[in-house]
Amino acid sequence: MGSAKEQMLHEEAATAVGEEICVRAGVLSPCPQHNEMLLSTGSDLVSAYKLASALVRDRDPLVRGFSHREVTDGVKAAIEGNPAEECTHPSHYD
């Protein structure tokens, strides 16, 4: 596998880790019907970054293989990639 593809897969994995951290911190939550991730209304985004830092510091298995920067970049990507507070799945509009 080429270096660029490996880097892309590593970044995707970091975003998945960031998404899980956001769920644990209460910043993101899945739509109960569609598994689409939603930004929790009134959530404190800082809590996700604090949790990320704690997981890296404590060498939690979730973040194994990632640097602190990669984990916080993953949190940022997860938040930016899931900006909706309401599910946008078409079935909600039938």
N, C-alpha and C. Protein backbone atom coordinates (compact mmCIF):
# COMPACT_ATOMS: atom_id res chain seq x y z
N MET A 1 0.86 -1.17 0.00
CA MET A 1 0.00 0.00 0.00
C MET A 1 0.90 1.23 0.00
N GLY A 2 0.51 2.23 -0.76
CA GLY A 2 1.31 3.44 -0.87
C GLY A 2 1.24 4.30 0.38
N SER A 3 2.22 5.13 0.52
CA SER A 3 2.32 6.00 1.69
C SER A 3 1.13 6.96 1.80
N ALA A 4 0.69 7.49 0.68
CA ALA A 4 -0.44 8.43 0.70
C ALA A 4 -1.72 7.72 1.17
N LYS A 5 -1.92 6.50 0.70
CA LYS A 5 -3.11 5.75 1.10
C LYS A 5 -3.04 5.39 2.59
N GLU A 6 -1.86 4.99 3.06
CA GLU A 6 -1.69 4.70 4.48
C GLU A 6 -1.98 5.92 5.33
N GLN A 7 -1.52 7.07 4.90
CA GLN A 7 -1.78 8.32 5.62
C GLN A 7 -3.27 8.63 5.65
N MET A 8 -3.94 8.44 4.53
CA MET A 8 -5.38 8.70 4.45
C MET A 8 -6.14 7.77 5.41
N LEU A 9 -5.78 6.49 5.42
CA LEU A 9 -6.43 5.53 6.31
C LEU A 9 -6.18 5.87 7.78
N HIS A 10 -4.97 6.33 8.09
CA HIS A 10 -4.63 6.73 9.46
C HIS A 10 -5.46 7.94 9.88
N GLU A 11 -5.63 8.91 8.98
CA GLU A 11 -6.44 10.09 9.27
C GLU A 11 -7.91 9.72 9.45
N GLU A 12 -8.41 8.79 8.63
CA GLU A 12 -9.80 8.32 8.78
C GLU A 12 -9.98 7.63 10.14
N ALA A 13 -8.99 6.85 10.54
CA ALA A 13 -9.05 6.17 11.83
C ALA A 13 -9.01 7.20 12.97
N ALA A 14 -8.21 8.24 12.82
CA ALA A 14 -8.15 9.29 13.84
C ALA A 14 -9.48 10.02 13.95
N THR A 15 -10.16 10.22 12.83
CA THR A 15 -11.48 10.86 12.85
C THR A 15 -12.49 9.95 13.55
N ALA A 16 -12.41 8.64 13.31
CA ALA A 16 -13.30 7.69 13.99
C ALA A 16 -13.05 7.71 15.50
N VAL A 17 -11.79 7.80 15.89
CA VAL A 17 -11.45 7.91 17.31
C VAL A 17 -12.01 9.22 17.86
N GLY A 18 -11.85 10.29 17.11
CA GLY A 18 -12.38 11.60 17.53
C GLY A 18 -13.88 11.57 17.69
N GLU A 19 -14.56 10.86 16.80
CA GLU A 19 -16.02 10.74 16.89
C GLU A 19 -16.42 9.99 18.17
N GLU A 20 -15.71 8.91 18.48
CA GLU A 20 -16.00 8.15 19.69
C GLU A 20 -15.76 9.01 20.93
N ILE A 21 -14.71 9.79 20.93
CA ILE A 21 -14.43 10.69 22.05
C ILE A 21 -15.55 11.71 22.19
N CYS A 22 -16.02 12.25 21.08
CA CYS A 22 -17.12 13.22 21.12
C CYS A 22 -18.41 12.59 21.67
N VAL A 23 -18.65 11.34 21.32
CA VAL A 23 -19.83 10.64 21.86
C VAL A 23 -19.67 10.47 23.36
N ARG A 24 -18.50 10.02 23.80
CA ARG A 24 -18.26 9.83 25.23
C ARG A 24 -18.39 11.14 26.01
N ALA A 25 -17.98 12.25 25.37
CA ALA A 25 -18.03 13.57 26.03
C ALA A 25 -19.41 14.20 25.94
N GLY A 26 -20.32 13.59 25.18
CA GLY A 26 -21.66 14.15 25.04
C GLY A 26 -21.77 15.26 24.02
N VAL A 27 -20.75 15.41 23.19
CA VAL A 27 -20.75 16.45 22.17
C VAL A 27 -21.50 15.98 20.92
N LEU A 28 -21.35 14.71 20.59
CA LEU A 28 -22.07 14.11 19.47
C LEU A 28 -22.93 12.96 20.01
N SER A 29 -24.03 12.73 19.34
CA SER A 29 -24.87 11.58 19.68
C SER A 29 -25.47 11.04 18.39
N PRO A 30 -25.65 9.72 18.32
CA PRO A 30 -26.22 9.15 17.10
C PRO A 30 -27.73 9.33 17.06
N CYS A 31 -28.27 9.54 15.86
CA CYS A 31 -29.71 9.53 15.68
C CYS A 31 -30.17 8.11 16.00
N PRO A 32 -31.16 7.94 16.86
CA PRO A 32 -31.58 6.59 17.24
C PRO A 32 -32.15 5.77 16.07
N GLN A 33 -32.56 6.44 15.00
CA GLN A 33 -33.14 5.72 13.87
C GLN A 33 -32.14 5.44 12.74
N HIS A 34 -31.13 6.30 12.58
CA HIS A 34 -30.29 6.20 11.38
C HIS A 34 -28.80 6.13 11.64
N ASN A 35 -28.37 6.22 12.86
CA ASN A 35 -26.95 6.20 13.20
C ASN A 35 -26.18 7.39 12.64
N GLU A 36 -26.87 8.38 12.15
CA GLU A 36 -26.21 9.61 11.72
C GLU A 36 -25.80 10.37 12.98
N MET A 37 -24.58 10.89 13.00
CA MET A 37 -24.10 11.60 14.19
C MET A 37 -24.64 13.02 14.21
N LEU A 38 -25.05 13.45 15.39
CA LEU A 38 -25.62 14.78 15.56
C LEU A 38 -24.85 15.54 16.62
N LEU A 39 -24.69 16.84 16.41
CA LEU A 39 -24.07 17.71 17.39
C LEU A 39 -25.10 17.97 18.48
N SER A 40 -24.74 17.67 19.71
CA SER A 40 -25.67 17.85 20.82
C SER A 40 -25.90 19.33 21.09
N THR A 41 -27.14 19.72 21.21
CA THR A 41 -27.49 21.11 21.46
C THR A 41 -26.89 21.57 22.77
N GLY A 42 -26.23 22.71 22.74
CA GLY A 42 -25.66 23.29 23.95
C GLY A 42 -24.47 22.54 24.50
N SER A 43 -23.89 21.68 23.71
CA SER A 43 -22.76 20.89 24.20
C SER A 43 -21.52 21.76 24.33
N ASP A 44 -20.68 21.37 25.26
CA ASP A 44 -19.43 22.07 25.52
C ASP A 44 -18.32 21.37 24.74
N LEU A 45 -17.91 21.96 23.63
CA LEU A 45 -16.91 21.33 22.77
C LEU A 45 -15.58 21.12 23.49
N VAL A 46 -15.29 21.99 24.45
CA VAL A 46 -14.03 21.88 25.19
C VAL A 46 -13.96 20.55 25.92
N SER A 47 -15.11 20.03 26.36
CA SER A 47 -15.10 18.76 27.09
C SER A 47 -14.55 17.62 26.23
N ALA A 48 -14.79 17.65 24.93
CA ALA A 48 -14.25 16.61 24.05
C ALA A 48 -12.73 16.71 23.97
N TYR A 49 -12.21 17.92 23.90
CA TYR A 49 -10.76 18.10 23.85
C TYR A 49 -10.11 17.72 25.17
N LYS A 50 -10.76 18.03 26.27
CA LYS A 50 -10.23 17.64 27.59
C LYS A 50 -10.20 16.12 27.72
N LEU A 51 -11.26 15.46 27.27
CA LEU A 51 -11.30 14.01 27.33
C LEU A 51 -10.22 13.42 26.43
N ALA A 52 -10.05 13.97 25.25
CA ALA A 52 -9.02 13.49 24.33
C ALA A 52 -7.65 13.57 24.98
N SER A 53 -7.36 14.71 25.61
CA SER A 53 -6.07 14.88 26.27
C SER A 53 -5.88 13.88 27.40
N ALA A 54 -6.93 13.65 28.17
CA ALA A 54 -6.86 12.70 29.28
C ALA A 54 -6.62 11.28 28.76
N LEU A 55 -7.28 10.92 27.68
CA LEU A 55 -7.10 9.57 27.12
C LEU A 55 -5.68 9.37 26.61
N VAL A 56 -5.11 10.39 25.97
CA VAL A 56 -3.73 10.30 25.49
C VAL A 56 -2.78 10.22 26.69
N ARG A 57 -3.00 11.09 27.67
CA ARG A 57 -2.14 11.11 28.86
C ARG A 57 -2.16 9.76 29.58
N ASP A 58 -3.36 9.16 29.67
CA ASP A 58 -3.51 7.89 30.38
C ASP A 58 -3.23 6.67 29.51
N ARG A 59 -2.85 6.93 28.26
CA ARG A 59 -2.52 5.87 27.30
C ARG A 59 -3.67 4.87 27.14
N ASP A 60 -4.85 5.42 27.01
CA ASP A 60 -6.05 4.60 26.83
C ASP A 60 -5.93 3.82 25.52
N PRO A 61 -6.41 2.57 25.50
CA PRO A 61 -6.34 1.77 24.27
C PRO A 61 -7.04 2.41 23.07
N LEU A 62 -8.05 3.22 23.30
CA LEU A 62 -8.76 3.87 22.19
C LEU A 62 -7.82 4.72 21.35
N VAL A 63 -6.85 5.36 21.98
CA VAL A 63 -5.98 6.30 21.27
C VAL A 63 -4.59 5.72 20.99
N ARG A 64 -4.42 4.45 21.26
CA ARG A 64 -3.12 3.82 21.02
C ARG A 64 -2.76 3.94 19.54
N GLY A 65 -1.53 4.34 19.28
CA GLY A 65 -1.06 4.48 17.91
C GLY A 65 -1.24 5.87 17.33
N PHE A 66 -1.80 6.79 18.14
CA PHE A 66 -2.02 8.16 17.69
C PHE A 66 -1.31 9.14 18.61
N SER A 67 -0.80 10.20 18.02
CA SER A 67 -0.20 11.28 18.82
C SER A 67 -1.32 12.16 19.39
N HIS A 68 -0.96 12.99 20.35
CA HIS A 68 -1.94 13.93 20.92
C HIS A 68 -2.53 14.80 19.82
N ARG A 69 -1.69 15.28 18.94
CA ARG A 69 -2.14 16.13 17.84
C ARG A 69 -3.12 15.40 16.93
N GLU A 70 -2.81 14.15 16.60
CA GLU A 70 -3.70 13.37 15.73
C GLU A 70 -5.06 13.15 16.39
N VAL A 71 -5.06 12.92 17.69
CA VAL A 71 -6.33 12.70 18.40
C VAL A 71 -7.15 13.98 18.43
N THR A 72 -6.53 15.11 18.75
CA THR A 72 -7.29 16.36 18.79
C THR A 72 -7.72 16.79 17.39
N ASP A 73 -6.90 16.50 16.38
CA ASP A 73 -7.33 16.76 15.00
C ASP A 73 -8.52 15.87 14.64
N GLY A 74 -8.53 14.64 15.15
CA GLY A 74 -9.66 13.74 14.92
C GLY A 74 -10.93 14.25 15.57
N VAL A 75 -10.81 14.82 16.77
CA VAL A 75 -11.97 15.43 17.45
C VAL A 75 -12.49 16.59 16.60
N LYS A 76 -11.58 17.44 16.15
CA LYS A 76 -11.98 18.58 15.33
C LYS A 76 -12.68 18.11 14.05
N ALA A 77 -12.12 17.10 13.39
CA ALA A 77 -12.72 16.60 12.15
C ALA A 77 -14.10 15.99 12.42
N ALA A 78 -14.26 15.31 13.55
CA ALA A 78 -15.55 14.71 13.89
C ALA A 78 -16.61 15.79 14.11
N ILE A 79 -16.22 16.86 14.80
CA ILE A 79 -17.17 17.95 15.06
C ILE A 79 -17.51 18.67 13.77
N GLU A 80 -16.51 18.99 12.97
CA GLU A 80 -16.76 19.70 11.72
C GLU A 80 -17.52 18.83 10.71
N GLY A 81 -17.35 17.53 10.80
CA GLY A 81 -18.02 16.63 9.87
C GLY A 81 -19.45 16.29 10.26
N ASN A 82 -19.86 16.70 11.44
CA ASN A 82 -21.21 16.39 11.94
C ASN A 82 -21.82 17.64 12.56
N PRO A 83 -22.04 18.69 11.77
CA PRO A 83 -22.49 19.97 12.35
C PRO A 83 -23.98 20.06 12.65
N ALA A 84 -24.78 19.10 12.18
CA ALA A 84 -26.23 19.20 12.33
C ALA A 84 -26.68 18.85 13.75
N GLU A 85 -27.67 19.60 14.24
CA GLU A 85 -28.27 19.30 15.54
C GLU A 85 -29.51 18.44 15.38
N GLU A 86 -30.00 18.30 14.14
CA GLU A 86 -31.14 17.45 13.84
C GLU A 86 -30.77 16.52 12.70
N CYS A 87 -31.30 15.32 12.74
CA CYS A 87 -31.01 14.33 11.69
C CYS A 87 -31.56 14.84 10.36
N THR A 88 -30.74 14.73 9.33
CA THR A 88 -31.12 15.18 7.99
C THR A 88 -31.51 14.03 7.08
N HIS A 89 -31.67 12.84 7.64
CA HIS A 89 -32.04 11.67 6.84
C HIS A 89 -33.38 11.94 6.15
N PRO A 90 -33.48 11.63 4.86
CA PRO A 90 -34.71 11.93 4.10
C PRO A 90 -35.99 11.35 4.70
N SER A 91 -35.90 10.24 5.43
CA SER A 91 -37.11 9.62 5.97
C SER A 91 -37.83 10.51 6.99
N HIS A 92 -37.13 11.48 7.56
CA HIS A 92 -37.76 12.41 8.50
C HIS A 92 -38.71 13.38 7.79
N TYR A 93 -38.58 13.46 6.47
CA TYR A 93 -39.36 14.45 5.70
C TYR A 93 -40.43 13.80 4.84
N ASP A 94 -40.69 12.52 5.06
CA ASP A 94 -41.72 11.82 4.26
C ASP A 94 -43.11 12.26 4.67
